[in-house]
Amino acid sequence: MDEVKQLVTDIKNRKLKPIYFLMGEEAYYTDKISEFIESNVLAEEERGFNQMVLYGRDVTIDDIVSNAKRYPMMAEYQVIIVKEAQDLSRTIENLIHYVKNPQSTTILVFNYKYKTLDKRKALYKALKKDAVIFESKKLYENQVPDWIKRVLASKKYTIEPKAAQMLVEFLGTDLSKINNELEKLQIILPKGTQITAENIEENIGISKDFNNFELRKAVGNRDLLKAFQIVKYFSDNPKDNPMLVTVSLLFSFFSQLLYIHGLNDKSPRNISAAIGVNPYFVNDYITASKNYPMRKVSAIIASLRDFDVKSKGVGSNSVPQGDLLKELLVNIFA
């Protein structure tokens, strides 16, 4: 992300602002920027007297301001980092008086995770003038594989498209969780390695053959035997393969097929751009669109809505997950 790179570059070049307000749904970047400031603004010998970490649940805005107005000891700056600042959301607007007249020798950092400030209110407008506001937005699922590739490339690794997709299918869009798993792989694998589906299976515990990605592919190919094998595996391992996730991913898949049917230009490049899928997987979608005409896709989507309700326990409390999934496959392949 260019904004993150620029922010880090400015900090390295000592182009510092008195307040950094880091907010947004995706905690990965707010945490990383906060950690970077904590480790790089002050020299190690300056931190003992001039660096403080506070937690939103333990302090008030008045406590933060009181500390921020102190002068540094034998250093150019003091750094105050407020972690879990979202716990101050009810009183955060009280910060405006300090924002209008911040201490020039204090670097005050708010890590305001999973939330954003109300952009209509005075605090946000005041911060926009002289502070740094960084908003970390959650990535869409189809953006995460490219993010994985970029993160690994910066560490001198590459990754197979299938391996990246497996991580997204298993861990969702939580970048911190994904990064934790990538760091484990980097400990085991030497730089220059291409991370494969086998590496993911052996070290993270995601089956390369029995996962939602492979189920989607089997369904798209109308490979009934393979699809039922995967569903059997899911029913034997329900904790790692919740039906809610499977139904959601199949719903997304058939919604994309419906969109493909509506395209005038069905070239692989246009399909990839239109539905936000890595070109590596486009042929799977083209095959599936041929196997499932538009009318059939519409009927499957309606069926998936019903099974979504059932997967949440409505009207099916006594039906095992495995049986529901088998019933779902019967409806899809009918």
C-alpha atoms as a PDB file:
ATOM      1  CA  MET A   1       0.000   0.000   0.000  1.00  0.00           C
ATOM      2  CA  ASP A   2       1.531   3.267  -1.202  1.00  0.00           C
ATOM      3  CA  GLU A   3       0.129   5.300   1.690  1.00  0.00           C
ATOM      4  CA  VAL A   4       1.811   3.016   4.228  1.00  0.00           C
ATOM      5  CA  LYS A   5       5.148   3.174   2.390  1.00  0.00           C
ATOM      6  CA  GLN A   6       5.007   6.969   2.274  1.00  0.00           C
ATOM      7  CA  LEU A   7       4.124   7.198   5.948  1.00  0.00           C
ATOM      8  CA  VAL A   8       7.026   4.911   6.914  1.00  0.00           C
ATOM      9  CA  THR A   9       9.407   6.849   4.646  1.00  0.00           C
ATOM     10  CA  ASP A  10       8.414  10.149   6.253  1.00  0.00           C
ATOM     11  CA  ILE A  11       9.020   8.737   9.726  1.00  0.00           C
ATOM     12  CA  LYS A  12      12.431   7.407   8.666  1.00  0.00           C
ATOM     13  CA  ASN A  13      13.285  10.857   7.275  1.00  0.00           C
ATOM     14  CA  ARG A  14      12.183  12.503  10.546  1.00  0.00           C
ATOM     15  CA  LYS A  15       9.245  14.250   8.906  1.00  0.00           C
ATOM     16  CA  LEU A  16       7.233  13.721  12.060  1.00  0.00           C
ATOM     17  CA  LYS A  17       3.777  14.930  13.011  1.00  0.00           C
ATOM     18  CA  PRO A  18       2.627  15.567  16.593  1.00  0.00           C
ATOM     19  CA  ILE A  19      -0.355  13.181  16.271  1.00  0.00           C
ATOM     20  CA  TYR A  20      -0.856   9.940  14.363  1.00  0.00           C
ATOM     21  CA  PHE A  21      -4.420   8.665  14.370  1.00  0.00           C
ATOM     22  CA  LEU A  22      -4.452   5.110  12.988  1.00  0.00           C
ATOM     23  CA  MET A  23      -7.932   3.687  12.508  1.00  0.00           C
ATOM     24  CA  GLY A  24     -10.003   1.281  10.459  1.00  0.00           C
ATOM     25  CA  GLU A  25     -11.461  -2.200  10.128  1.00  0.00           C
ATOM     26  CA  GLU A  26      -8.182  -3.904   9.182  1.00  0.00           C
ATOM     27  CA  ALA A  27      -5.907  -3.974  12.226  1.00  0.00           C
ATOM     28  CA  TYR A  28      -2.835  -5.321  10.408  1.00  0.00           C
ATOM     29  CA  TYR A  29      -1.611  -1.974   9.095  1.00  0.00           C
ATOM     30  CA  THR A  30      -2.546   0.074  12.154  1.00  0.00           C
ATOM     31  CA  ASP A  31      -0.571  -2.378  14.306  1.00  0.00           C
ATOM     32  CA  LYS A  32       2.414  -2.372  11.933  1.00  0.00           C
ATOM     33  CA  ILE A  33       2.632   1.438  11.771  1.00  0.00           C
ATOM     34  CA  SER A  34       2.235   1.720  15.528  1.00  0.00           C
ATOM     35  CA  GLU A  35       5.013  -0.863  16.040  1.00  0.00           C
ATOM     36  CA  PHE A  36       7.248   0.955  13.561  1.00  0.00           C
ATOM     37  CA  ILE A  37       6.881   4.252  15.424  1.00  0.00           C
ATOM     38  CA  GLU A  38       7.489   2.472  18.738  1.00  0.00           C
ATOM     39  CA  SER A  39      10.742   0.978  17.428  1.00  0.00           C
ATOM     40  CA  ASN A  40      12.146   3.774  15.290  1.00  0.00           C
ATOM     41  CA  VAL A  41      11.355   7.304  16.446  1.00  0.00           C
ATOM     42  CA  LEU A  42      13.491   7.226  19.599  1.00  0.00           C
ATOM     43  CA  ALA A  43      16.912   5.713  20.071  1.00  0.00           C
ATOM     44  CA  GLU A  44      16.972   2.746  22.419  1.00  0.00           C
ATOM     45  CA  GLU A  45      18.659   4.720  25.197  1.00  0.00           C
ATOM     46  CA  GLU A  46      15.968   7.445  24.983  1.00  0.00           C
ATOM     47  CA  ARG A  47      12.975   5.193  25.375  1.00  0.00           C
ATOM     48  CA  GLY A  48      13.232   4.509  29.101  1.00  0.00           C
ATOM     49  CA  PHE A  49      12.255   8.058  30.059  1.00  0.00           C
ATOM     50  CA  ASN A  50      10.526   9.224  26.902  1.00  0.00           C
ATOM     51  CA  GLN A  51       8.356   6.405  25.557  1.00  0.00           C
ATOM     52  CA  MET A  52       5.068   5.329  27.069  1.00  0.00           C
ATOM     53  CA  VAL A  53       2.469   2.745  26.028  1.00  0.00           C
ATOM     54  CA  LEU A  54      -1.049   3.271  27.326  1.00  0.00           C
ATOM     55  CA  TYR A  55      -4.191   1.187  26.811  1.00  0.00           C
ATOM     56  CA  GLY A  56      -7.568   2.719  26.055  1.00  0.00           C
ATOM     57  CA  ARG A  57      -9.406   0.628  28.632  1.00  0.00           C
ATOM     58  CA  ASP A  58      -7.105   1.845  31.427  1.00  0.00           C
ATOM     59  CA  VAL A  59      -6.926   5.605  30.798  1.00  0.00           C
ATOM     60  CA  THR A  60      -9.066   8.651  30.099  1.00  0.00           C
ATOM     61  CA  ILE A  61      -8.560  11.367  27.510  1.00  0.00           C
ATOM     62  CA  ASP A  62      -7.456  13.658  30.365  1.00  0.00           C
ATOM     63  CA  ASP A  63      -4.777  11.117  31.391  1.00  0.00           C
ATOM     64  CA  ILE A  64      -3.454  10.982  27.827  1.00  0.00           C
ATOM     65  CA  VAL A  65      -3.401  14.754  27.425  1.00  0.00           C
ATOM     66  CA  SER A  66      -1.687  15.203  30.787  1.00  0.00           C
ATOM     67  CA  ASN A  67       1.116  12.859  29.732  1.00  0.00           C
ATOM     68  CA  ALA A  68       1.320  14.369  26.258  1.00  0.00           C
ATOM     69  CA  LYS A  69       1.933  17.874  27.677  1.00  0.00           C
ATOM     70  CA  ARG A  70       5.087  16.808  29.489  1.00  0.00           C
ATOM     71  CA  TYR A  71       8.485  17.647  28.029  1.00  0.00           C
ATOM     72  CA  PRO A  72      10.982  14.975  26.973  1.00  0.00           C
ATOM     73  CA  MET A  73      14.050  14.255  29.108  1.00  0.00           C
ATOM     74  CA  MET A  74      17.383  14.536  27.278  1.00  0.00           C
ATOM     75  CA  ALA A  75      15.724  13.800  23.935  1.00  0.00           C
ATOM     76  CA  GLU A  76      14.116  15.722  21.093  1.00  0.00           C
ATOM     77  CA  TYR A  77      10.777  13.968  21.468  1.00  0.00           C
ATOM     78  CA  GLN A  78       8.709  11.824  23.757  1.00  0.00           C
ATOM     79  CA  VAL A  79       6.487   9.141  22.213  1.00  0.00           C
ATOM     80  CA  ILE A  80       3.118   8.128  23.642  1.00  0.00           C
ATOM     81  CA  ILE A  81       1.299   5.212  22.040  1.00  0.00           C
ATOM     82  CA  VAL A  82      -2.334   4.553  22.941  1.00  0.00           C
ATOM     83  CA  LYS A  83      -3.162   0.950  22.061  1.00  0.00           C
ATOM     84  CA  GLU A  84      -6.743  -0.343  21.883  1.00  0.00           C
ATOM     85  CA  ALA A  85      -7.779   3.298  21.600  1.00  0.00           C
ATOM     86  CA  GLN A  86     -11.199   2.233  20.313  1.00  0.00           C
ATOM     87  CA  ASP A  87     -12.092   1.636  23.968  1.00  0.00           C
ATOM     88  CA  LEU A  88     -12.167   5.439  24.266  1.00  0.00           C
ATOM     89  CA  SER A  89     -14.739   5.860  21.484  1.00  0.00           C
ATOM     90  CA  ARG A  90     -17.386   7.368  23.789  1.00  0.00           C
ATOM     91  CA  THR A  91     -15.135  10.214  24.890  1.00  0.00           C
ATOM     92  CA  ILE A  92     -12.705  10.507  21.974  1.00  0.00           C
ATOM     93  CA  GLU A  93     -14.209  13.827  20.834  1.00  0.00           C
ATOM     94  CA  ASN A  94     -12.813  15.373  24.059  1.00  0.00           C
ATOM     95  CA  LEU A  95      -9.388  15.126  22.448  1.00  0.00           C
ATOM     96  CA  ILE A  96     -10.162  18.071  20.188  1.00  0.00           C
ATOM     97  CA  HIS A  97      -8.755  20.710  22.563  1.00  0.00           C
ATOM     98  CA  TYR A  98      -5.337  19.028  22.538  1.00  0.00           C
ATOM     99  CA  VAL A  99      -5.476  18.455  18.770  1.00  0.00           C
ATOM    100  CA  LYS A 100      -5.925  22.179  18.217  1.00  0.00           C
ATOM    101  CA  ASN A 101      -2.818  22.923  20.279  1.00  0.00           C
ATOM    102  CA  PRO A 102      -0.579  19.824  20.448  1.00  0.00           C
ATOM    103  CA  GLN A 103       2.762  19.658  22.235  1.00  0.00           C
ATOM    104  CA  SER A 104       5.395  19.997  19.499  1.00  0.00           C
ATOM    105  CA  THR A 105       7.863  17.731  21.326  1.00  0.00           C
ATOM    106  CA  THR A 106       5.368  14.864  21.765  1.00  0.00           C
ATOM    107  CA  ILE A 107       4.553  12.215  19.178  1.00  0.00           C
ATOM    108  CA  LEU A 108       1.107  10.960  20.173  1.00  0.00           C
ATOM    109  CA  VAL A 109      -0.121   7.785  18.440  1.00  0.00           C
ATOM    110  CA  PHE A 110      -3.641   6.388  18.615  1.00  0.00           C
ATOM    111  CA  ASN A 111      -4.209   2.808  17.479  1.00  0.00           C
ATOM    112  CA  TYR A 112      -7.985   2.960  17.019  1.00  0.00           C
ATOM    113  CA  LYS A 113      -8.726  -0.517  15.684  1.00  0.00           C
ATOM    114  CA  TYR A 114     -11.846  -1.897  14.012  1.00  0.00           C
ATOM    115  CA  LYS A 115     -13.547   1.515  14.040  1.00  0.00           C
ATOM    116  CA  THR A 116     -13.294   4.908  12.365  1.00  0.00           C
ATOM    117  CA  LEU A 117     -13.952   8.421  13.554  1.00  0.00           C
ATOM    118  CA  ASP A 118     -17.126  10.185  12.482  1.00  0.00           C
ATOM    119  CA  LYS A 119     -15.856  12.321   9.609  1.00  0.00           C
ATOM    120  CA  ARG A 120     -18.634  14.833  10.127  1.00  0.00           C
ATOM    121  CA  LYS A 121     -17.480  15.764  13.617  1.00  0.00           C
ATOM    122  CA  ALA A 122     -15.037  18.405  14.784  1.00  0.00           C
ATOM    123  CA  LEU A 123     -12.280  16.030  15.947  1.00  0.00           C
ATOM    124  CA  TYR A 124     -11.825  14.448  12.532  1.00  0.00           C
ATOM    125  CA  LYS A 125     -11.772  17.857  10.832  1.00  0.00           C
ATOM    126  CA  ALA A 126      -9.215  19.162  13.319  1.00  0.00           C
ATOM    127  CA  LEU A 127      -6.986  16.099  12.884  1.00  0.00           C
ATOM    128  CA  LYS A 128      -7.076  16.524   9.110  1.00  0.00           C
ATOM    129  CA  LYS A 129      -5.354  19.909   9.420  1.00  0.00           C
ATOM    130  CA  ASP A 130      -2.137  19.090  11.285  1.00  0.00           C
ATOM    131  CA  ALA A 131      -2.129  15.399  12.189  1.00  0.00           C
ATOM    132  CA  VAL A 132      -1.748  12.167  10.233  1.00  0.00           C
ATOM    133  CA  ILE A 133      -4.969  10.209   9.827  1.00  0.00           C
ATOM    134  CA  PHE A 134      -4.493   6.739   8.417  1.00  0.00           C
ATOM    135  CA  GLU A 135      -7.551   4.632   7.648  1.00  0.00           C
ATOM    136  CA  SER A 136      -6.930   0.932   7.101  1.00  0.00           C
ATOM    137  CA  LYS A 137      -9.786  -0.532   5.086  1.00  0.00           C
ATOM    138  CA  LYS A 138     -10.550  -4.233   5.007  1.00  0.00           C
ATOM    139  CA  LEU A 139      -9.524  -5.931   1.780  1.00  0.00           C
ATOM    140  CA  TYR A 140     -12.038  -7.751  -0.352  1.00  0.00           C
ATOM    141  CA  GLU A 141     -11.489 -11.494  -0.528  1.00  0.00           C
ATOM    142  CA  ASN A 142     -10.324 -11.337  -4.150  1.00  0.00           C
ATOM    143  CA  GLN A 143      -7.655  -8.767  -3.202  1.00  0.00           C
ATOM    144  CA  VAL A 144      -6.045 -10.873  -0.484  1.00  0.00           C
ATOM    145  CA  PRO A 145      -4.097 -13.337  -2.713  1.00  0.00           C
ATOM    146  CA  ASP A 146      -2.279 -10.407  -4.377  1.00  0.00           C
ATOM    147  CA  TRP A 147      -1.555  -8.961  -0.936  1.00  0.00           C
ATOM    148  CA  ILE A 148      -0.037 -12.313   0.094  1.00  0.00           C
ATOM    149  CA  LYS A 149       2.149 -12.279  -3.024  1.00  0.00           C
ATOM    150  CA  ARG A 150       3.374  -8.731  -2.286  1.00  0.00           C
ATOM    151  CA  VAL A 151       4.167  -9.488   1.353  1.00  0.00           C
ATOM    152  CA  LEU A 152       6.101 -12.621   0.419  1.00  0.00           C
ATOM    153  CA  ALA A 153       7.913 -10.881  -2.455  1.00  0.00           C
ATOM    154  CA  SER A 154       9.219  -8.285   0.010  1.00  0.00           C
ATOM    155  CA  LYS A 155      10.707 -11.199   2.000  1.00  0.00           C
ATOM    156  CA  LYS A 156      12.151 -12.912  -1.130  1.00  0.00           C
ATOM    157  CA  TYR A 157       9.503 -15.648  -1.393  1.00  0.00           C
ATOM    158  CA  THR A 158       6.921 -16.555  -4.022  1.00  0.00           C
ATOM    159  CA  ILE A 159       3.718 -18.544  -3.703  1.00  0.00           C
ATOM    160  CA  GLU A 160       1.605 -20.730  -5.980  1.00  0.00           C
ATOM    161  CA  PRO A 161      -1.833 -19.271  -6.770  1.00  0.00           C
ATOM    162  CA  LYS A 162      -3.502 -22.364  -5.312  1.00  0.00           C
ATOM    163  CA  ALA A 163      -1.508 -22.046  -2.070  1.00  0.00           C
ATOM    164  CA  ALA A 164      -2.493 -18.381  -1.706  1.00  0.00           C
ATOM    165  CA  GLN A 165      -6.129 -19.249  -2.359  1.00  0.00           C
ATOM    166  CA  MET A 166      -6.026 -22.005   0.253  1.00  0.00           C
ATOM    167  CA  LEU A 167      -4.893 -19.485   2.869  1.00  0.00           C
ATOM    168  CA  VAL A 168      -7.728 -17.121   1.991  1.00  0.00           C
ATOM    169  CA  GLU A 169     -10.322 -19.892   2.012  1.00  0.00           C
ATOM    170  CA  PHE A 170      -9.125 -21.142   5.422  1.00  0.00           C
ATOM    171  CA  LEU A 171      -8.274 -17.854   7.188  1.00  0.00           C
ATOM    172  CA  GLY A 172     -10.582 -15.378   5.460  1.00  0.00           C
ATOM    173  CA  THR A 173      -9.515 -11.751   5.021  1.00  0.00           C
ATOM    174  CA  ASP A 174      -7.862 -11.250   8.421  1.00  0.00           C
ATOM    175  CA  LEU A 175      -4.405 -10.045   7.327  1.00  0.00           C
ATOM    176  CA  SER A 176      -2.887 -10.444  10.796  1.00  0.00           C
ATOM    177  CA  LYS A 177      -3.847 -14.129  10.942  1.00  0.00           C
ATOM    178  CA  ILE A 178      -2.546 -14.719   7.432  1.00  0.00           C
ATOM    179  CA  ASN A 179       0.693 -12.907   8.168  1.00  0.00           C
ATOM    180  CA  ASN A 180       1.229 -15.002  11.309  1.00  0.00           C
ATOM    181  CA  GLU A 181       0.979 -18.178   9.233  1.00  0.00           C
ATOM    182  CA  LEU A 182       3.289 -16.762   6.556  1.00  0.00           C
ATOM    183  CA  GLU A 183       5.878 -15.918   9.218  1.00  0.00           C
ATOM    184  CA  LYS A 184       5.773 -19.532  10.444  1.00  0.00           C
ATOM    185  CA  LEU A 185       6.482 -20.716   6.901  1.00  0.00           C
ATOM    186  CA  GLN A 186       9.375 -18.246   6.573  1.00  0.00           C
ATOM    187  CA  ILE A 187      11.004 -19.771   9.650  1.00  0.00           C
ATOM    188  CA  ILE A 188      10.853 -23.234   8.078  1.00  0.00           C
ATOM    189  CA  LEU A 189      11.532 -22.461   4.418  1.00  0.00           C
ATOM    190  CA  PRO A 190      14.674 -20.750   3.057  1.00  0.00           C
ATOM    191  CA  LYS A 191      14.453 -17.468   1.158  1.00  0.00           C
ATOM    192  CA  GLY A 192      13.873 -17.903  -2.540  1.00  0.00           C
ATOM    193  CA  THR A 193      11.399 -20.755  -1.952  1.00  0.00           C
ATOM    194  CA  GLN A 194       8.122 -20.916  -3.809  1.00  0.00           C
ATOM    195  CA  ILE A 195       5.476 -21.792  -1.238  1.00  0.00           C
ATOM    196  CA  THR A 196       3.292 -24.626  -2.510  1.00  0.00           C
ATOM    197  CA  ALA A 197      -0.020 -26.192  -1.573  1.00  0.00           C
ATOM    198  CA  GLU A 198       1.999 -29.050  -0.052  1.00  0.00           C
ATOM    199  CA  ASN A 199       3.865 -26.582   2.208  1.00  0.00           C
ATOM    200  CA  ILE A 200       0.528 -25.179   3.376  1.00  0.00           C
ATOM    201  CA  GLU A 201      -0.846 -28.652   4.067  1.00  0.00           C
ATOM    202  CA  GLU A 202       2.245 -29.873   5.940  1.00  0.00           C
ATOM    203  CA  ASN A 203       2.860 -26.785   8.072  1.00  0.00           C
ATOM    204  CA  ILE A 204      -0.495 -25.051   8.534  1.00  0.00           C
ATOM    205  CA  GLY A 205      -2.802 -28.037   8.541  1.00  0.00           C
ATOM    206  CA  ILE A 206      -5.017 -27.153   5.583  1.00  0.00           C
ATOM    207  CA  SER A 207      -5.693 -30.172   3.379  1.00  0.00           C
ATOM    208  CA  LYS A 208      -4.609 -29.493  -0.201  1.00  0.00           C
ATOM    209  CA  ASP A 209      -7.141 -32.006  -1.547  1.00  0.00           C
ATOM    210  CA  PHE A 210     -10.104 -31.598   0.790  1.00  0.00           C
ATOM    211  CA  ASN A 211     -10.942 -27.916   1.167  1.00  0.00           C
ATOM    212  CA  ASN A 212     -13.512 -25.427  -0.083  1.00  0.00           C
ATOM    213  CA  PHE A 213     -11.324 -24.452  -3.017  1.00  0.00           C
ATOM    214  CA  GLU A 214     -11.229 -28.061  -4.252  1.00  0.00           C
ATOM    215  CA  LEU A 215     -14.953 -28.482  -3.555  1.00  0.00           C
ATOM    216  CA  ARG A 216     -15.734 -25.443  -5.683  1.00  0.00           C
ATOM    217  CA  LYS A 217     -13.543 -26.825  -8.465  1.00  0.00           C
ATOM    218  CA  ALA A 218     -15.198 -30.268  -8.281  1.00  0.00           C
ATOM    219  CA  VAL A 219     -18.655 -28.697  -8.380  1.00  0.00           C
ATOM    220  CA  GLY A 220     -17.648 -26.514 -11.320  1.00  0.00           C
ATOM    221  CA  ASN A 221     -16.380 -29.577 -13.197  1.00  0.00           C
ATOM    222  CA  ARG A 222     -19.502 -31.546 -12.199  1.00  0.00           C
ATOM    223  CA  ASP A 223     -17.204 -34.131 -10.627  1.00  0.00           C
ATOM    224  CA  LEU A 224     -19.764 -35.737  -8.344  1.00  0.00           C
ATOM    225  CA  LEU A 225     -17.417 -38.355  -6.868  1.00  0.00           C
ATOM    226  CA  LYS A 226     -14.765 -35.823  -5.879  1.00  0.00           C
ATOM    227  CA  ALA A 227     -17.362 -33.421  -4.467  1.00  0.00           C
ATOM    228  CA  PHE A 228     -18.878 -36.147  -2.268  1.00  0.00           C
ATOM    229  CA  GLN A 229     -15.412 -37.217  -1.068  1.00  0.00           C
ATOM    230  CA  ILE A 230     -14.708 -33.665   0.038  1.00  0.00           C
ATOM    231  CA  VAL A 231     -18.089 -33.337   1.748  1.00  0.00           C
ATOM    232  CA  LYS A 232     -17.429 -36.634   3.561  1.00  0.00           C
ATOM    233  CA  TYR A 233     -14.117 -35.184   4.793  1.00  0.00           C
ATOM    234  CA  PHE A 234     -15.919 -32.018   5.924  1.00  0.00           C
ATOM    235  CA  SER A 235     -18.497 -34.037   7.858  1.00  0.00           C
ATOM    236  CA  ASP A 236     -15.682 -35.965   9.575  1.00  0.00           C
ATOM    237  CA  ASN A 237     -13.875 -32.703  10.434  1.00  0.00           C
ATOM    238  CA  PRO A 238     -16.686 -30.203  11.073  1.00  0.00           C
ATOM    239  CA  LYS A 239     -14.685 -27.955  13.389  1.00  0.00           C
ATOM    240  CA  ASP A 240     -12.180 -27.077  10.657  1.00  0.00           C
ATOM    241  CA  ASN A 241     -14.791 -26.975   7.895  1.00  0.00           C
ATOM    242  CA  PRO A 242     -17.933 -25.164   9.105  1.00  0.00           C
ATOM    243  CA  MET A 243     -20.904 -25.495   6.796  1.00  0.00           C
ATOM    244  CA  LEU A 244     -21.622 -21.781   7.042  1.00  0.00           C
ATOM    245  CA  VAL A 245     -18.321 -21.018   5.316  1.00  0.00           C
ATOM    246  CA  THR A 246     -18.857 -23.666   2.626  1.00  0.00           C
ATOM    247  CA  VAL A 247     -22.346 -22.397   1.767  1.00  0.00           C
ATOM    248  CA  SER A 248     -21.103 -18.812   1.695  1.00  0.00           C
ATOM    249  CA  LEU A 249     -18.259 -19.660  -0.702  1.00  0.00           C
ATOM    250  CA  LEU A 250     -20.525 -21.678  -2.998  1.00  0.00           C
ATOM    251  CA  PHE A 251     -23.009 -18.809  -3.024  1.00  0.00           C
ATOM    252  CA  SER A 252     -20.217 -16.433  -4.048  1.00  0.00           C
ATOM    253  CA  PHE A 253     -19.072 -18.887  -6.743  1.00  0.00           C
ATOM    254  CA  PHE A 254     -22.489 -19.267  -8.358  1.00  0.00           C
ATOM    255  CA  SER A 255     -23.124 -15.520  -8.095  1.00  0.00           C
ATOM    256  CA  GLN A 256     -19.940 -15.034 -10.119  1.00  0.00           C
ATOM    257  CA  LEU A 257     -21.149 -17.596 -12.675  1.00  0.00           C
ATOM    258  CA  LEU A 258     -24.412 -15.691 -12.977  1.00  0.00           C
ATOM    259  CA  TYR A 259     -22.429 -12.521 -13.619  1.00  0.00           C
ATOM    260  CA  ILE A 260     -20.355 -14.298 -16.293  1.00  0.00           C
ATOM    261  CA  HIS A 261     -23.538 -15.378 -18.089  1.00  0.00           C
ATOM    262  CA  GLY A 262     -24.519 -11.722 -18.306  1.00  0.00           C
ATOM    263  CA  LEU A 263     -21.248 -10.612 -19.932  1.00  0.00           C
ATOM    264  CA  ASN A 264     -21.104  -9.804 -23.625  1.00  0.00           C
ATOM    265  CA  ASP A 265     -17.339 -10.233 -23.723  1.00  0.00           C
ATOM    266  CA  LYS A 266     -16.550 -13.680 -22.330  1.00  0.00           C
ATOM    267  CA  SER A 267     -12.830 -13.606 -23.063  1.00  0.00           C
ATOM    268  CA  PRO A 268     -10.654 -14.900 -20.191  1.00  0.00           C
ATOM    269  CA  ARG A 269      -9.120 -11.462 -19.620  1.00  0.00           C
ATOM    270  CA  ASN A 270     -12.490  -9.744 -19.376  1.00  0.00           C
ATOM    271  CA  ILE A 271     -13.940 -12.433 -17.113  1.00  0.00           C
ATOM    272  CA  SER A 272     -10.918 -12.134 -14.800  1.00  0.00           C
ATOM    273  CA  ALA A 273     -11.377  -8.366 -14.548  1.00  0.00           C
ATOM    274  CA  ALA A 274     -15.177  -8.496 -14.255  1.00  0.00           C
ATOM    275  CA  ILE A 275     -15.403 -10.967 -11.364  1.00  0.00           C
ATOM    276  CA  GLY A 276     -12.070 -10.135  -9.707  1.00  0.00           C
ATOM    277  CA  VAL A 277     -10.509 -13.577 -10.088  1.00  0.00           C
ATOM    278  CA  ASN A 278      -6.833 -14.374 -10.604  1.00  0.00           C
ATOM    279  CA  PRO A 279      -6.280 -15.219 -14.310  1.00  0.00           C
ATOM    280  CA  TYR A 280      -4.797 -18.545 -13.151  1.00  0.00           C
ATOM    281  CA  PHE A 281      -8.300 -19.693 -12.126  1.00  0.00           C
ATOM    282  CA  VAL A 282     -10.357 -18.206 -14.964  1.00  0.00           C
ATOM    283  CA  ASN A 283     -10.581 -21.449 -16.953  1.00  0.00           C
ATOM    284  CA  ASP A 284     -12.259 -23.101 -13.949  1.00  0.00           C
ATOM    285  CA  TYR A 285     -14.984 -20.445 -14.101  1.00  0.00           C
ATOM    286  CA  ILE A 286     -15.348 -20.745 -17.885  1.00  0.00           C
ATOM    287  CA  THR A 287     -15.769 -24.525 -17.555  1.00  0.00           C
ATOM    288  CA  ALA A 288     -18.313 -24.104 -14.765  1.00  0.00           C
ATOM    289  CA  SER A 289     -20.320 -21.527 -16.741  1.00  0.00           C
ATOM    290  CA  LYS A 290     -20.592 -24.063 -19.575  1.00  0.00           C
ATOM    291  CA  ASN A 291     -21.645 -26.813 -17.170  1.00  0.00           C
ATOM    292  CA  TYR A 292     -24.308 -24.661 -15.499  1.00  0.00           C
ATOM    293  CA  PRO A 293     -26.652 -22.641 -17.761  1.00  0.00           C
ATOM    294  CA  MET A 294     -28.027 -19.367 -16.431  1.00  0.00           C
ATOM    295  CA  ARG A 295     -31.390 -20.846 -15.436  1.00  0.00           C
ATOM    296  CA  LYS A 296     -29.687 -23.637 -13.475  1.00  0.00           C
ATOM    297  CA  VAL A 297     -27.354 -21.148 -11.779  1.00  0.00           C
ATOM    298  CA  SER A 298     -30.353 -19.057 -10.682  1.00  0.00           C
ATOM    299  CA  ALA A 299     -32.053 -22.141  -9.218  1.00  0.00           C
ATOM    300  CA  ILE A 300     -28.856 -23.139  -7.361  1.00  0.00           C
ATOM    301  CA  ILE A 301     -28.508 -19.645  -5.872  1.00  0.00           C
ATOM    302  CA  ALA A 302     -32.098 -19.879  -4.590  1.00  0.00           C
ATOM    303  CA  SER A 303     -31.316 -23.293  -3.115  1.00  0.00           C
ATOM    304  CA  LEU A 304     -28.141 -21.975  -1.467  1.00  0.00           C
ATOM    305  CA  ARG A 305     -30.169 -19.257   0.248  1.00  0.00           C
ATOM    306  CA  ASP A 306     -32.341 -21.955   1.793  1.00  0.00           C
ATOM    307  CA  PHE A 307     -29.318 -23.944   2.911  1.00  0.00           C
ATOM    308  CA  ASP A 308     -27.726 -20.811   4.349  1.00  0.00           C
ATOM    309  CA  VAL A 309     -30.721 -20.539   6.668  1.00  0.00           C
ATOM    310  CA  LYS A 310     -30.476 -24.245   7.515  1.00  0.00           C
ATOM    311  CA  SER A 311     -26.726 -23.977   8.185  1.00  0.00           C
ATOM    312  CA  LYS A 312     -27.574 -21.430  10.869  1.00  0.00           C
ATOM    313  CA  GLY A 313     -29.849 -23.934  12.594  1.00  0.00           C
ATOM    314  CA  VAL A 314     -33.222 -22.674  11.378  1.00  0.00           C
ATOM    315  CA  GLY A 315     -35.495 -25.662  10.729  1.00  0.00           C
ATOM    316  CA  SER A 316     -32.666 -28.199  10.786  1.00  0.00           C
ATOM    317  CA  ASN A 317     -31.495 -28.525  14.378  1.00  0.00           C
ATOM    318  CA  SER A 318     -31.490 -32.329  14.290  1.00  0.00           C
ATOM    319  CA  VAL A 319     -29.914 -32.733  10.826  1.00  0.00           C
ATOM    320  CA  PRO A 320     -26.137 -33.398  10.889  1.00  0.00           C
ATOM    321  CA  GLN A 321     -23.944 -31.009   8.926  1.00  0.00           C
ATOM    322  CA  GLY A 322     -22.691 -33.802   6.658  1.00  0.00           C
ATOM    323  CA  ASP A 323     -26.239 -34.770   5.665  1.00  0.00           C
ATOM    324  CA  LEU A 324     -27.117 -31.162   4.879  1.00  0.00           C
ATOM    325  CA  LEU A 325     -24.047 -30.828   2.668  1.00  0.00           C
ATOM    326  CA  LYS A 326     -24.900 -34.050   0.815  1.00  0.00           C
ATOM    327  CA  GLU A 327     -28.416 -32.799   0.272  1.00  0.00           C
ATOM    328  CA  LEU A 328     -27.013 -29.530  -1.022  1.00  0.00           C
ATOM    329  CA  LEU A 329     -24.802 -31.369  -3.527  1.00  0.00           C
ATOM    330  CA  VAL A 330     -27.761 -33.400  -4.749  1.00  0.00           C
ATOM    331  CA  ASN A 331     -29.626 -30.154  -5.443  1.00  0.00           C
ATOM    332  CA  ILE A 332     -26.627 -28.664  -7.254  1.00  0.00           C
ATOM    333  CA  PHE A 333     -25.931 -31.708  -9.432  1.00  0.00           C
ATOM    334  CA  ALA A 334     -29.603 -32.462 -10.174  1.00  0.00           C
END
